Amino acid sequence: MNMLKSFLKHPLIQVALVAGICIIIQSYFYKKVLNLQLDTLIVAIPAFIYTIFGGVSSAKNNRTIEKFARPVYWMLAIIIATALSIIIPYLNRS
């Protein structure tokens, strides 16, 4: 159990889990709520943000980049991008 807790405390794992959950939420909303075809680019938005986070977090020896490498910022960016990718087609549909 301690190994699992230490695994889940790692910032890369936390952001990856949020990205994965957001991709599942996108798929659900596009399929069940909006009844639209989900584009590959839209599905990849959380993964793109996670990839950028991976690059930024690996360059932590730079003081200015260190401020942007906090996982909370990147998790919020993924959640906001997912919400926008769901809300915008919904508003255009109405």
N, C-alpha and C. Protein backbone atom coordinates (compact mmCIF):
# COMPACT_ATOMS: atom_id res chain seq x y z
N MET A 1 0.82 -1.20 0.00
CA MET A 1 0.00 0.00 0.00
C MET A 1 0.86 1.26 0.00
N ASN A 2 1.97 1.25 0.73
CA ASN A 2 2.86 2.40 0.75
C ASN A 2 3.47 2.65 -0.61
N MET A 3 3.74 1.57 -1.34
CA MET A 3 4.31 1.71 -2.66
C MET A 3 3.31 2.38 -3.61
N LEU A 4 2.05 2.04 -3.49
CA LEU A 4 1.01 2.65 -4.31
C LEU A 4 0.85 4.12 -3.98
N LYS A 5 0.89 4.46 -2.69
CA LYS A 5 0.78 5.87 -2.29
C LYS A 5 1.95 6.68 -2.81
N SER A 6 3.15 6.15 -2.73
CA SER A 6 4.31 6.88 -3.23
C SER A 6 4.26 6.99 -4.76
N PHE A 7 3.71 5.99 -5.40
CA PHE A 7 3.55 6.02 -6.85
C PHE A 7 2.58 7.12 -7.27
N LEU A 8 1.46 7.24 -6.54
CA LEU A 8 0.44 8.23 -6.87
C LEU A 8 0.84 9.65 -6.47
N LYS A 9 1.85 9.81 -5.64
CA LYS A 9 2.32 11.14 -5.25
C LYS A 9 3.25 11.76 -6.27
N HIS A 10 3.71 10.98 -7.23
CA HIS A 10 4.62 11.50 -8.24
C HIS A 10 3.86 12.45 -9.18
N PRO A 11 4.41 13.65 -9.44
CA PRO A 11 3.68 14.63 -10.26
C PRO A 11 3.35 14.16 -11.67
N LEU A 12 4.24 13.42 -12.30
CA LEU A 12 3.96 12.93 -13.66
C LEU A 12 2.78 11.98 -13.67
N ILE A 13 2.68 11.15 -12.64
CA ILE A 13 1.57 10.20 -12.56
C ILE A 13 0.26 10.94 -12.31
N GLN A 14 0.28 11.95 -11.45
CA GLN A 14 -0.92 12.71 -11.15
C GLN A 14 -1.47 13.40 -12.40
N VAL A 15 -0.59 14.04 -13.14
CA VAL A 15 -1.04 14.75 -14.35
C VAL A 15 -1.49 13.75 -15.42
N ALA A 16 -0.82 12.62 -15.51
CA ALA A 16 -1.22 11.59 -16.48
C ALA A 16 -2.60 11.02 -16.14
N LEU A 17 -2.87 10.82 -14.86
CA LEU A 17 -4.19 10.33 -14.46
C LEU A 17 -5.29 11.33 -14.79
N VAL A 18 -5.03 12.60 -14.54
CA VAL A 18 -6.02 13.63 -14.88
C VAL A 18 -6.25 13.66 -16.38
N ALA A 19 -5.18 13.57 -17.17
CA ALA A 19 -5.32 13.56 -18.62
C ALA A 19 -6.14 12.35 -19.09
N GLY A 20 -5.87 11.20 -18.54
CA GLY A 20 -6.62 10.00 -18.91
C GLY A 20 -8.08 10.08 -18.54
N ILE A 21 -8.37 10.60 -17.36
CA ILE A 21 -9.77 10.75 -16.93
C ILE A 21 -10.49 11.76 -17.82
N CYS A 22 -9.80 12.82 -18.19
CA CYS A 22 -10.41 13.82 -19.06
C CYS A 22 -10.70 13.27 -20.45
N ILE A 23 -9.83 12.42 -20.96
CA ILE A 23 -10.08 11.79 -22.26
C ILE A 23 -11.32 10.89 -22.18
N ILE A 24 -11.48 10.18 -21.08
CA ILE A 24 -12.66 9.33 -20.90
C ILE A 24 -13.92 10.18 -20.81
N ILE A 25 -13.84 11.29 -20.08
CA ILE A 25 -14.99 12.19 -19.95
C ILE A 25 -15.36 12.79 -21.30
N GLN A 26 -14.35 13.20 -22.08
CA GLN A 26 -14.62 13.72 -23.42
C GLN A 26 -15.35 12.69 -24.27
N SER A 27 -14.85 11.48 -24.25
CA SER A 27 -15.46 10.42 -25.06
C SER A 27 -16.90 10.17 -24.66
N TYR A 28 -17.15 10.16 -23.37
CA TYR A 28 -18.51 9.94 -22.88
C TYR A 28 -19.44 11.05 -23.34
N PHE A 29 -19.03 12.29 -23.15
CA PHE A 29 -19.90 13.41 -23.51
C PHE A 29 -20.15 13.47 -25.02
N TYR A 30 -19.12 13.23 -25.81
CA TYR A 30 -19.32 13.29 -27.26
C TYR A 30 -20.22 12.16 -27.75
N LYS A 31 -20.10 10.99 -27.14
CA LYS A 31 -20.88 9.83 -27.59
C LYS A 31 -22.30 9.86 -27.05
N LYS A 32 -22.46 10.07 -25.74
CA LYS A 32 -23.76 9.92 -25.10
C LYS A 32 -24.57 11.21 -25.03
N VAL A 33 -23.93 12.34 -24.80
CA VAL A 33 -24.66 13.58 -24.60
C VAL A 33 -24.81 14.37 -25.90
N LEU A 34 -23.71 14.59 -26.60
CA LEU A 34 -23.74 15.42 -27.81
C LEU A 34 -24.09 14.65 -29.07
N ASN A 35 -23.91 13.35 -29.06
CA ASN A 35 -24.13 12.50 -30.24
C ASN A 35 -23.33 13.00 -31.44
N LEU A 36 -22.07 13.34 -31.22
CA LEU A 36 -21.19 13.81 -32.27
C LEU A 36 -20.02 12.85 -32.44
N GLN A 37 -19.41 12.90 -33.63
CA GLN A 37 -18.20 12.14 -33.89
C GLN A 37 -17.02 12.86 -33.22
N LEU A 38 -16.25 12.15 -32.47
CA LEU A 38 -15.12 12.74 -31.75
C LEU A 38 -13.89 12.75 -32.65
N ASP A 39 -13.34 13.95 -32.88
CA ASP A 39 -12.15 14.09 -33.70
C ASP A 39 -10.91 13.63 -32.94
N THR A 40 -9.95 13.14 -33.67
CA THR A 40 -8.70 12.68 -33.07
C THR A 40 -7.95 13.82 -32.41
N LEU A 41 -7.97 14.98 -33.02
CA LEU A 41 -7.26 16.12 -32.47
C LEU A 41 -7.85 16.56 -31.13
N ILE A 42 -9.17 16.51 -31.02
CA ILE A 42 -9.82 16.89 -29.77
C ILE A 42 -9.47 15.91 -28.66
N VAL A 43 -9.42 14.64 -28.97
CA VAL A 43 -9.06 13.63 -27.97
C VAL A 43 -7.62 13.83 -27.50
N ALA A 44 -6.78 14.29 -28.40
CA ALA A 44 -5.35 14.41 -28.10
C ALA A 44 -4.99 15.66 -27.31
N ILE A 45 -5.91 16.60 -27.13
CA ILE A 45 -5.58 17.84 -26.43
C ILE A 45 -5.04 17.58 -25.01
N PRO A 46 -5.69 16.77 -24.17
CA PRO A 46 -5.12 16.51 -22.84
C PRO A 46 -3.75 15.83 -22.92
N ALA A 47 -3.57 14.95 -23.88
CA ALA A 47 -2.28 14.27 -24.04
C ALA A 47 -1.19 15.25 -24.48
N PHE A 48 -1.54 16.20 -25.33
CA PHE A 48 -0.57 17.22 -25.74
C PHE A 48 -0.13 18.07 -24.55
N ILE A 49 -1.10 18.46 -23.73
CA ILE A 49 -0.76 19.27 -22.56
C ILE A 49 0.11 18.47 -21.60
N TYR A 50 -0.19 17.18 -21.45
CA TYR A 50 0.65 16.33 -20.60
C TYR A 50 2.07 16.21 -21.15
N THR A 51 2.20 16.12 -22.46
CA THR A 51 3.52 16.03 -23.08
C THR A 51 4.32 17.31 -22.84
N ILE A 52 3.67 18.44 -22.94
CA ILE A 52 4.35 19.70 -22.66
C ILE A 52 4.78 19.75 -21.19
N PHE A 53 3.91 19.28 -20.29
CA PHE A 53 4.27 19.23 -18.88
C PHE A 53 5.48 18.34 -18.65
N GLY A 54 5.55 17.23 -19.34
CA GLY A 54 6.70 16.34 -19.20
C GLY A 54 8.00 17.03 -19.59
N GLY A 55 7.95 17.81 -20.65
CA GLY A 55 9.14 18.56 -21.07
C GLY A 55 9.51 19.66 -20.10
N VAL A 56 8.50 20.36 -19.59
CA VAL A 56 8.77 21.45 -18.65
C VAL A 56 9.27 20.90 -17.32
N SER A 57 8.70 19.81 -16.86
CA SER A 57 9.11 19.27 -15.56
C SER A 57 10.49 18.64 -15.61
N SER A 58 10.94 18.21 -16.78
CA SER A 58 12.28 17.64 -16.87
C SER A 58 13.36 18.71 -16.90
N ALA A 59 12.97 19.96 -17.16
CA ALA A 59 13.92 21.07 -17.19
C ALA A 59 13.84 21.89 -15.91
N LYS A 60 13.76 21.23 -14.77
CA LYS A 60 13.56 21.91 -13.50
C LYS A 60 14.78 22.65 -12.98
N ASN A 61 15.93 22.46 -13.56
CA ASN A 61 17.12 23.14 -13.03
C ASN A 61 17.12 24.62 -13.38
N ASN A 62 16.21 25.07 -14.20
CA ASN A 62 16.08 26.47 -14.54
C ASN A 62 15.06 27.11 -13.59
N ARG A 63 15.41 28.21 -12.94
CA ARG A 63 14.55 28.85 -11.93
C ARG A 63 13.23 29.35 -12.51
N THR A 64 13.26 29.92 -13.71
CA THR A 64 12.03 30.45 -14.29
C THR A 64 11.08 29.34 -14.71
N ILE A 65 11.61 28.24 -15.18
CA ILE A 65 10.76 27.12 -15.59
C ILE A 65 10.19 26.41 -14.36
N GLU A 66 10.91 26.45 -13.26
CA GLU A 66 10.48 25.77 -12.04
C GLU A 66 9.11 26.27 -11.57
N LYS A 67 8.82 27.54 -11.80
CA LYS A 67 7.53 28.09 -11.40
C LYS A 67 6.39 27.48 -12.21
N PHE A 68 6.66 27.16 -13.46
CA PHE A 68 5.62 26.62 -14.33
C PHE A 68 5.54 25.09 -14.28
N ALA A 69 6.41 24.46 -13.53
CA ALA A 69 6.44 23.01 -13.50
C ALA A 69 5.57 22.41 -12.40
N ARG A 70 4.79 23.23 -11.73
CA ARG A 70 3.90 22.71 -10.69
C ARG A 70 2.76 21.94 -11.34
N PRO A 71 2.51 20.74 -10.88
CA PRO A 71 1.49 19.90 -11.53
C PRO A 71 0.08 20.46 -11.44
N VAL A 72 -0.20 21.26 -10.42
CA VAL A 72 -1.55 21.80 -10.27
C VAL A 72 -1.92 22.68 -11.45
N TYR A 73 -0.99 23.49 -11.92
CA TYR A 73 -1.25 24.35 -13.07
C TYR A 73 -1.60 23.52 -14.30
N TRP A 74 -0.87 22.46 -14.50
CA TRP A 74 -1.05 21.64 -15.69
C TRP A 74 -2.33 20.82 -15.60
N MET A 75 -2.67 20.36 -14.39
CA MET A 75 -3.94 19.65 -14.23
C MET A 75 -5.11 20.58 -14.49
N LEU A 76 -5.02 21.82 -14.02
CA LEU A 76 -6.07 22.80 -14.31
C LEU A 76 -6.16 23.10 -15.80
N ALA A 77 -5.02 23.20 -16.47
CA ALA A 77 -5.02 23.44 -17.91
C ALA A 77 -5.70 22.30 -18.66
N ILE A 78 -5.44 21.07 -18.24
CA ILE A 78 -6.06 19.91 -18.88
C ILE A 78 -7.57 19.92 -18.65
N ILE A 79 -7.98 20.22 -17.43
CA ILE A 79 -9.41 20.23 -17.11
C ILE A 79 -10.13 21.35 -17.87
N ILE A 80 -9.51 22.53 -17.93
CA ILE A 80 -10.12 23.65 -18.66
C ILE A 80 -10.21 23.35 -20.15
N ALA A 81 -9.15 22.79 -20.72
CA ALA A 81 -9.17 22.45 -22.15
C ALA A 81 -10.24 21.39 -22.44
N THR A 82 -10.40 20.44 -21.55
CA THR A 82 -11.43 19.42 -21.73
C THR A 82 -12.81 20.03 -21.64
N ALA A 83 -13.01 20.90 -20.66
CA ALA A 83 -14.31 21.54 -20.51
C ALA A 83 -14.65 22.38 -21.74
N LEU A 84 -13.67 23.12 -22.24
CA LEU A 84 -13.91 23.93 -23.44
C LEU A 84 -14.20 23.07 -24.66
N SER A 85 -13.51 21.94 -24.77
CA SER A 85 -13.74 21.06 -25.92
C SER A 85 -15.12 20.40 -25.86
N ILE A 86 -15.74 20.38 -24.69
CA ILE A 86 -17.09 19.85 -24.57
C ILE A 86 -18.12 20.96 -24.70
N ILE A 87 -17.84 22.11 -24.10
CA ILE A 87 -18.83 23.20 -24.07
C ILE A 87 -18.99 23.87 -25.43
N ILE A 88 -17.90 24.11 -26.14
CA ILE A 88 -17.98 24.82 -27.41
C ILE A 88 -18.84 24.09 -28.44
N PRO A 89 -18.67 22.78 -28.65
CA PRO A 89 -19.58 22.10 -29.61
C PRO A 89 -21.02 22.08 -29.11
N TYR A 90 -21.20 22.03 -27.79
CA TYR A 90 -22.57 22.05 -27.24
C TYR A 90 -23.24 23.38 -27.53
N LEU A 91 -22.52 24.48 -27.38
CA LEU A 91 -23.09 25.80 -27.65
C LEU A 91 -23.34 26.01 -29.14
N ASN A 92 -22.46 25.49 -29.98
CA ASN A 92 -22.66 25.59 -31.43
C ASN A 92 -23.84 24.76 -31.92
N ARG A 93 -24.14 23.72 -31.20
CA ARG A 93 -25.22 22.81 -31.56
C ARG A 93 -26.59 23.44 -31.29
N SER A 94 -26.67 24.26 -30.27
CA SER A 94 -27.96 24.86 -29.87
C SER A 94 -28.42 25.93 -30.81
